[in-house]
Amino acid sequence: MSEAILRIENLSIGYDAGICQIHALRSATLEAHAGEVIGIVGESGCGKSTLAAAIINLLAPNAIINSGSIYYQGTDIFSLNKDAQRKLRGQDIAMVFQDPMTTFNPVLTLGDQLIDFQQHLEGVSISEKRIRATNLLARVGIPDPSLCMKRFPHELSGGMRQRASIAAALLMQPNVLVADEPTTALDVTMEAQIIHLLRELRSDYQGAIIVVTHHLGVVAELCDRVYVMYAGQVVEQGLVDDIYHAPKHPYTSALIACDPAHFEEHTPILPTIAGRLPDLMNPPQGCSFAARCVLANELCRTTVPPWVKISQTQSALCHKASQ
């Protein structure tokens, strides 16, 4: 496999809560290569969005980077000055945010904003930028893109706004596209359309795509490899087939068991994972999932689990992963 375009190493991020710190991300490590789609999946509060925001270094003001690095084409993003980081955003690493209602400025037309997003293009006239933006709106499936360019964001439906968000992110042909919960704010019909759009785009988009979601169906439809997160940690990583058909971490198994798409018979009660997420102000001494895991023993509760390599493509953070 080629050298990773994006590589995250042992990244730990907390949020200052006054008298204590919330450890939202703990020693997360992952990488993305050109031409592949990476899925980051886990329940709410597991650190997915913090990880996505860290990739473009747009963290909240009270965020604290405790350790780790993010390398884009071998360069540590955190080591760059603010001007260099601003040039990196949009041009090399772009992001589709989860709320299409707030992606655009409400007092400017969509066309004006899409033209402004191309400000770093040198030697390209405004008319050429308008043509590029119009063509890309057509590419993402927006009907009558020339008319859409003249509209304000509130005149578009949620699905059209999310399509326009994807178009805006692709305008500068970035090497890394991060989609943070791209279908969360949409209804089922629009969700299916956005998934179909992203599936089409991957065929002619040569960069890496990182899809952050809690929806296992989105991962199955789009992704090549998956990173499963729990309580701020990456607990398992592998190919989609590895994760879905032979999960090795108990949390991954429990997450898949709760997916309605796996039900073969009618059931009046939906399965859930018993217990609650651990307190990230005071993370557990051992495995974060031990309190909810039916396989946990005293070792799990008191000792940090090792990374166990299952195969060349799969590994898990679990004492029992090799058993």
Protein backbone atom coordinates (compact mmCIF):
# COMPACT_ATOMS: atom_id res chain seq x y z
CA MET A 1 0.00 0.00 0.00
CA SER A 2 1.23 3.52 -0.80
CA GLU A 3 2.37 6.00 1.82
CA ALA A 4 -0.55 7.43 3.80
CA ILE A 5 -1.77 10.89 2.78
CA LEU A 6 -3.01 11.47 6.33
CA ARG A 7 -1.60 9.83 9.44
CA ILE A 8 -2.74 10.43 13.01
CA GLU A 9 -0.42 9.18 15.76
CA ASN A 10 -1.34 8.76 19.44
CA LEU A 11 -3.58 11.84 19.45
CA SER A 12 -5.02 12.81 22.83
CA ILE A 13 -7.33 15.83 23.17
CA GLY A 14 -9.20 17.09 26.22
CA TYR A 15 -11.64 19.89 26.94
CA ASP A 16 -11.08 22.29 29.82
CA ALA A 17 -14.15 22.05 32.06
CA GLY A 18 -12.88 24.40 34.75
CA ILE A 19 -11.98 22.22 37.70
CA CYS A 20 -11.12 19.22 35.51
CA GLN A 21 -10.50 18.08 31.95
CA ILE A 22 -12.78 15.93 29.79
CA HIS A 23 -10.57 13.40 27.96
CA ALA A 24 -12.49 13.33 24.68
CA LEU A 25 -9.77 11.64 22.61
CA ARG A 26 -7.17 9.24 24.00
CA SER A 27 -4.17 7.98 22.02
CA ALA A 28 -6.06 7.71 18.72
CA THR A 29 -4.05 6.39 15.78
CA LEU A 30 -5.24 5.97 12.19
CA GLU A 31 -4.19 6.56 8.60
CA ALA A 32 -5.82 7.19 5.22
CA HIS A 33 -4.42 6.42 1.77
CA ALA A 34 -5.21 7.85 -1.65
CA GLY A 35 -8.26 6.37 -3.32
CA GLU A 36 -9.76 4.73 -0.22
CA VAL A 37 -12.74 5.56 1.94
CA ILE A 38 -12.23 5.33 5.70
CA GLY A 39 -15.10 4.97 8.15
CA ILE A 40 -14.93 6.21 11.74
CA VAL A 41 -17.85 4.74 13.65
CA GLY A 42 -19.11 4.72 17.23
CA GLU A 43 -21.95 5.88 19.44
CA SER A 44 -22.50 9.52 20.41
CA GLY A 45 -19.83 10.91 22.71
CA CYS A 46 -17.06 8.56 21.58
CA GLY A 47 -14.85 11.33 20.14
CA LYS A 48 -15.61 11.04 16.43
CA SER A 49 -16.36 14.73 15.83
CA THR A 50 -13.39 15.81 17.96
CA LEU A 51 -11.16 13.67 15.77
CA ALA A 52 -12.70 15.14 12.60
CA ALA A 53 -12.26 18.73 13.84
CA ALA A 54 -8.65 17.99 14.81
CA ILE A 55 -7.82 16.94 11.24
CA ILE A 56 -8.34 20.54 10.09
CA ASN A 57 -7.38 21.96 13.51
CA LEU A 58 -10.71 23.70 14.04
CA LEU A 59 -11.14 22.60 17.63
CA ALA A 60 -13.21 24.42 20.24
CA PRO A 61 -11.46 27.24 22.15
CA ASN A 62 -11.33 25.15 25.33
CA ALA A 63 -9.73 22.14 23.58
CA ILE A 64 -6.30 21.05 24.78
CA ILE A 65 -3.99 18.90 22.64
CA ASN A 66 -2.32 16.75 25.29
CA SER A 67 -0.18 14.63 22.97
CA GLY A 68 0.16 13.22 19.47
CA SER A 69 0.49 14.49 15.92
CA ILE A 70 -1.44 14.69 12.66
CA TYR A 71 0.72 14.33 9.56
CA TYR A 72 -0.51 15.47 6.15
CA GLN A 73 1.86 14.21 3.43
CA GLY A 74 4.57 13.91 6.07
CA THR A 75 4.11 17.38 7.60
CA ASP A 76 2.81 17.78 11.15
CA ILE A 77 -0.26 20.03 10.86
CA PHE A 78 0.10 21.27 14.44
CA SER A 79 3.62 22.52 13.69
CA LEU A 80 2.39 24.88 10.94
CA ASN A 81 1.65 28.55 11.65
CA LYS A 82 -1.93 29.83 11.40
CA ASP A 83 -1.53 31.16 7.83
CA ALA A 84 -0.20 27.81 6.61
CA GLN A 85 -3.05 25.98 8.35
CA ARG A 86 -5.62 28.27 6.74
CA LYS A 87 -4.17 27.54 3.29
CA LEU A 88 -4.31 23.84 4.05
CA ARG A 89 -8.03 23.94 4.86
CA GLY A 90 -10.21 23.68 1.79
CA GLN A 91 -7.28 23.54 -0.59
CA ASP A 92 -5.71 20.28 0.65
CA ILE A 93 -8.08 19.07 3.36
CA ALA A 94 -11.80 19.88 3.08
CA MET A 95 -14.70 19.10 5.35
CA VAL A 96 -18.42 18.49 4.94
CA PHE A 97 -20.08 19.40 8.24
CA GLN A 98 -23.01 17.48 9.68
CA ASP A 99 -25.52 20.37 9.68
CA PRO A 100 -26.29 21.59 6.14
CA MET A 101 -28.48 24.36 7.63
CA THR A 102 -25.47 26.28 8.97
CA THR A 103 -22.78 25.50 6.39
CA PHE A 104 -23.38 28.63 4.32
CA ASN A 105 -23.72 32.34 5.11
CA PRO A 106 -27.48 33.09 5.01
CA VAL A 107 -27.12 36.64 3.59
CA LEU A 108 -25.03 35.74 0.50
CA THR A 109 -26.14 33.80 -2.54
CA LEU A 110 -24.79 30.30 -2.97
CA GLY A 111 -22.96 31.38 -6.13
CA ASP A 112 -21.13 34.24 -4.43
CA GLN A 113 -19.96 31.93 -1.68
CA LEU A 114 -18.81 29.18 -4.04
CA ILE A 115 -16.81 31.76 -5.98
CA ASP A 116 -15.25 33.08 -2.75
CA PHE A 117 -14.26 29.54 -1.78
CA GLN A 118 -11.93 29.54 -4.79
CA GLN A 119 -9.96 32.61 -3.70
CA HIS A 120 -6.65 30.70 -3.66
CA LEU A 121 -6.93 29.78 -7.35
CA GLU A 122 -4.39 31.93 -9.18
CA GLY A 123 -4.90 33.12 -12.75
CA VAL A 124 -8.58 32.15 -12.81
CA SER A 125 -11.17 34.83 -13.55
CA ILE A 126 -14.45 35.23 -11.65
CA SER A 127 -16.40 34.02 -14.68
CA GLU A 128 -14.27 30.88 -14.84
CA LYS A 129 -14.78 30.30 -11.11
CA ARG A 130 -18.53 30.65 -11.65
CA ILE A 131 -18.42 28.05 -14.41
CA ARG A 132 -16.40 25.67 -12.21
CA ALA A 133 -18.90 26.06 -9.36
CA THR A 134 -21.92 25.60 -11.65
CA ASN A 135 -20.44 22.46 -13.21
CA LEU A 136 -19.71 20.98 -9.80
CA LEU A 137 -23.26 21.66 -8.61
CA ALA A 138 -24.45 19.75 -11.65
CA ARG A 139 -22.00 16.95 -10.84
CA VAL A 140 -23.46 16.48 -7.35
CA GLY A 141 -26.96 16.21 -8.79
CA ILE A 142 -28.50 19.65 -8.21
CA PRO A 143 -31.12 20.41 -10.91
CA ASP A 144 -30.77 23.70 -12.80
CA PRO A 145 -27.43 24.62 -11.18
CA SER A 146 -27.29 28.05 -12.88
CA LEU A 147 -30.51 29.07 -11.11
CA CYS A 148 -29.28 27.51 -7.85
CA MET A 149 -26.18 29.73 -7.98
CA LYS A 150 -28.48 32.78 -7.69
CA ARG A 151 -30.41 31.46 -4.70
CA PHE A 152 -29.85 32.07 -1.01
CA PRO A 153 -29.23 29.04 1.23
CA HIS A 154 -32.70 29.21 2.84
CA GLU A 155 -34.26 28.71 -0.59
CA LEU A 156 -32.75 25.23 -0.85
CA SER A 157 -33.97 22.03 0.77
CA GLY A 158 -31.82 20.23 3.33
CA GLY A 159 -30.77 17.63 0.78
CA MET A 160 -29.80 20.28 -1.78
CA ARG A 161 -27.85 22.20 0.86
CA GLN A 162 -25.90 19.08 1.76
CA ARG A 163 -25.18 18.41 -1.92
CA ALA A 164 -24.01 22.02 -2.24
CA SER A 165 -21.81 21.50 0.84
CA ILE A 166 -20.16 18.52 -0.83
CA ALA A 167 -19.67 20.58 -4.00
CA ALA A 168 -18.10 23.39 -1.95
CA ALA A 169 -15.72 20.93 -0.30
CA LEU A 170 -14.62 19.51 -3.66
CA LEU A 171 -14.12 22.86 -5.41
CA MET A 172 -10.38 23.00 -4.71
CA GLN A 173 -9.92 19.29 -5.43
CA PRO A 174 -8.54 18.48 -1.96
CA ASN A 175 -6.44 15.40 -1.28
CA VAL A 176 -8.48 14.60 1.86
CA LEU A 177 -12.25 14.98 2.22
CA VAL A 178 -13.69 14.64 5.73
CA ALA A 179 -17.46 14.10 5.94
CA ASP A 180 -18.67 14.51 9.53
CA GLU A 181 -22.06 12.80 9.90
CA PRO A 182 -23.08 13.91 6.37
CA THR A 183 -26.54 12.32 6.55
CA THR A 184 -27.53 12.95 10.19
CA ALA A 185 -29.76 15.98 9.56
CA LEU A 186 -31.53 14.43 6.56
CA ASP A 187 -34.60 12.26 6.20
CA VAL A 188 -34.31 8.67 4.98
CA THR A 189 -34.86 9.53 1.31
CA MET A 190 -32.26 12.30 1.31
CA GLU A 191 -29.86 10.09 3.26
CA ALA A 192 -30.04 7.45 0.54
CA GLN A 193 -29.39 10.07 -2.13
CA ILE A 194 -26.32 11.47 -0.34
CA ILE A 195 -24.92 7.95 0.15
CA HIS A 196 -25.47 7.26 -3.54
CA LEU A 197 -23.76 10.56 -4.41
CA LEU A 198 -20.70 9.80 -2.27
CA ARG A 199 -20.51 6.32 -3.78
CA GLU A 200 -20.46 7.86 -7.27
CA LEU A 201 -17.88 10.49 -6.30
CA ARG A 202 -15.43 7.90 -4.99
CA SER A 203 -15.09 6.48 -8.52
CA ASP A 204 -13.62 9.73 -9.91
CA TYR A 205 -12.15 11.25 -6.74
CA GLN A 206 -8.51 10.23 -6.25
CA GLY A 207 -8.04 11.57 -2.73
CA ALA A 208 -8.84 9.93 0.59
CA ILE A 209 -12.38 10.21 1.98
CA ILE A 210 -12.98 9.97 5.74
CA VAL A 211 -16.62 9.38 6.71
CA VAL A 212 -17.48 10.00 10.37
CA THR A 213 -20.78 8.39 11.36
CA HIS A 214 -22.73 6.37 13.91
CA HIS A 215 -24.67 4.69 11.09
CA LEU A 216 -23.32 1.22 10.32
CA GLY A 217 -25.28 1.11 7.07
CA VAL A 218 -23.37 4.13 5.73
CA VAL A 219 -20.08 2.41 6.56
CA ALA A 220 -21.13 -0.80 4.80
CA GLU A 221 -22.22 1.12 1.70
CA LEU A 222 -19.20 3.39 1.32
CA CYS A 223 -16.08 2.36 3.21
CA ASP A 224 -13.06 0.19 2.53
CA ARG A 225 -11.65 0.24 6.08
CA VAL A 226 -13.24 1.02 9.43
CA TYR A 227 -12.01 2.44 12.74
CA VAL A 228 -14.37 1.70 15.66
CA MET A 229 -14.24 4.22 18.51
CA TYR A 230 -15.40 3.95 22.11
CA ALA A 231 -14.94 6.45 24.97
CA GLY A 232 -12.35 8.47 23.06
CA GLN A 233 -10.28 5.49 21.93
CA VAL A 234 -9.94 3.53 18.71
CA VAL A 235 -10.79 0.02 19.92
CA GLU A 236 -10.71 -1.87 16.62
CA GLN A 237 -9.68 -1.30 13.02
CA GLY A 238 -9.90 -3.42 9.91
CA LEU A 239 -11.43 -3.95 6.49
CA VAL A 240 -15.21 -3.62 6.29
CA ASP A 241 -15.57 -7.40 5.82
CA ASP A 242 -13.34 -8.03 8.86
CA ILE A 243 -15.37 -5.74 11.09
CA TYR A 244 -18.81 -6.92 9.97
CA HIS A 245 -18.20 -10.65 9.67
CA ALA A 246 -15.46 -11.30 12.24
CA PRO A 247 -15.37 -8.52 14.87
CA LYS A 248 -12.81 -9.12 17.62
CA HIS A 249 -13.59 -6.38 20.14
CA PRO A 250 -16.71 -7.01 22.30
CA TYR A 251 -17.89 -3.44 21.72
CA THR A 252 -17.77 -3.89 17.94
CA SER A 253 -19.77 -7.11 18.27
CA ALA A 254 -22.34 -5.38 20.50
CA LEU A 255 -22.62 -2.41 18.13
CA ILE A 256 -23.28 -4.67 15.14
CA ALA A 257 -25.80 -6.72 17.13
CA CYS A 258 -27.81 -3.53 17.76
CA ASP A 259 -28.00 -2.65 14.06
CA PRO A 260 -31.62 -3.18 12.85
CA ALA A 261 -30.30 -4.14 9.42
CA HIS A 262 -29.06 -7.42 10.89
CA PHE A 263 -32.45 -8.53 12.21
CA GLU A 264 -33.77 -11.53 10.30
CA GLU A 265 -37.01 -11.89 12.24
CA HIS A 266 -39.60 -9.51 13.65
CA THR A 267 -38.77 -8.41 17.19
CA PRO A 268 -40.85 -6.23 19.54
CA ILE A 269 -37.76 -5.16 21.52
CA LEU A 270 -34.68 -3.57 20.01
CA PRO A 271 -31.38 -4.78 21.51
CA THR A 272 -29.23 -2.29 23.41
CA ILE A 273 -25.80 -2.25 25.02
CA ALA A 274 -26.34 -2.42 28.78
CA GLY A 275 -24.74 0.19 31.02
CA ARG A 276 -23.41 3.66 30.30
CA LEU A 277 -20.35 5.29 28.81
CA PRO A 278 -17.55 5.79 31.37
CA ASP A 279 -16.88 9.18 32.92
CA LEU A 280 -14.29 10.79 30.65
CA MET A 281 -13.31 13.24 33.38
CA ASN A 282 -11.89 10.21 35.19
CA PRO A 283 -11.37 7.43 32.60
CA PRO A 284 -11.27 3.80 33.81
CA GLN A 285 -7.96 2.33 34.91
CA GLY A 286 -8.26 -0.68 32.61
CA CYS A 287 -10.42 -1.29 29.54
CA SER A 288 -12.98 1.46 28.95
CA PHE A 289 -15.62 -1.09 27.93
CA ALA A 290 -15.07 -3.46 30.87
CA ALA A 291 -18.08 -2.26 32.88
CA ARG A 292 -20.42 -3.12 29.98
CA CYS A 293 -18.63 -6.21 28.65
CA VAL A 294 -19.96 -9.70 29.38
CA LEU A 295 -16.46 -11.15 28.85
CA ALA A 296 -14.64 -8.81 31.24
CA ASN A 297 -12.61 -10.15 34.15
CA GLU A 298 -10.40 -8.55 36.81
CA LEU A 299 -7.52 -8.13 34.34
CA CYS A 300 -9.79 -6.12 32.02
CA ARG A 301 -10.89 -3.85 34.84
CA THR A 302 -7.41 -3.09 36.19
CA THR A 303 -4.95 -3.28 33.28
CA VAL A 304 -4.85 -1.23 30.07
CA PRO A 305 -5.47 -3.66 27.18
CA PRO A 306 -2.81 -4.13 24.48
CA TRP A 307 -3.21 -3.68 20.75
CA VAL A 308 -3.58 -7.22 19.42
CA LYS A 309 -2.84 -7.82 15.75
CA ILE A 310 -5.39 -10.29 14.41
CA SER A 311 -4.18 -10.25 10.81
CA GLN A 312 -2.43 -7.96 8.35
CA THR A 313 -5.62 -5.91 8.06
CA GLN A 314 -7.27 -6.15 11.48
CA SER A 315 -6.31 -5.36 15.09
CA ALA A 316 -8.16 -4.69 18.35
CA LEU A 317 -7.56 -3.07 21.74
CA CYS A 318 -8.58 -6.01 23.90
CA HIS A 319 -7.06 -8.59 26.26
CA LYS A 320 -9.22 -11.31 24.73
CA ALA A 321 -8.93 -10.37 21.04
CA SER A 322 -6.58 -13.27 20.22
CA GLN A 323 -8.64 -15.90 22.03
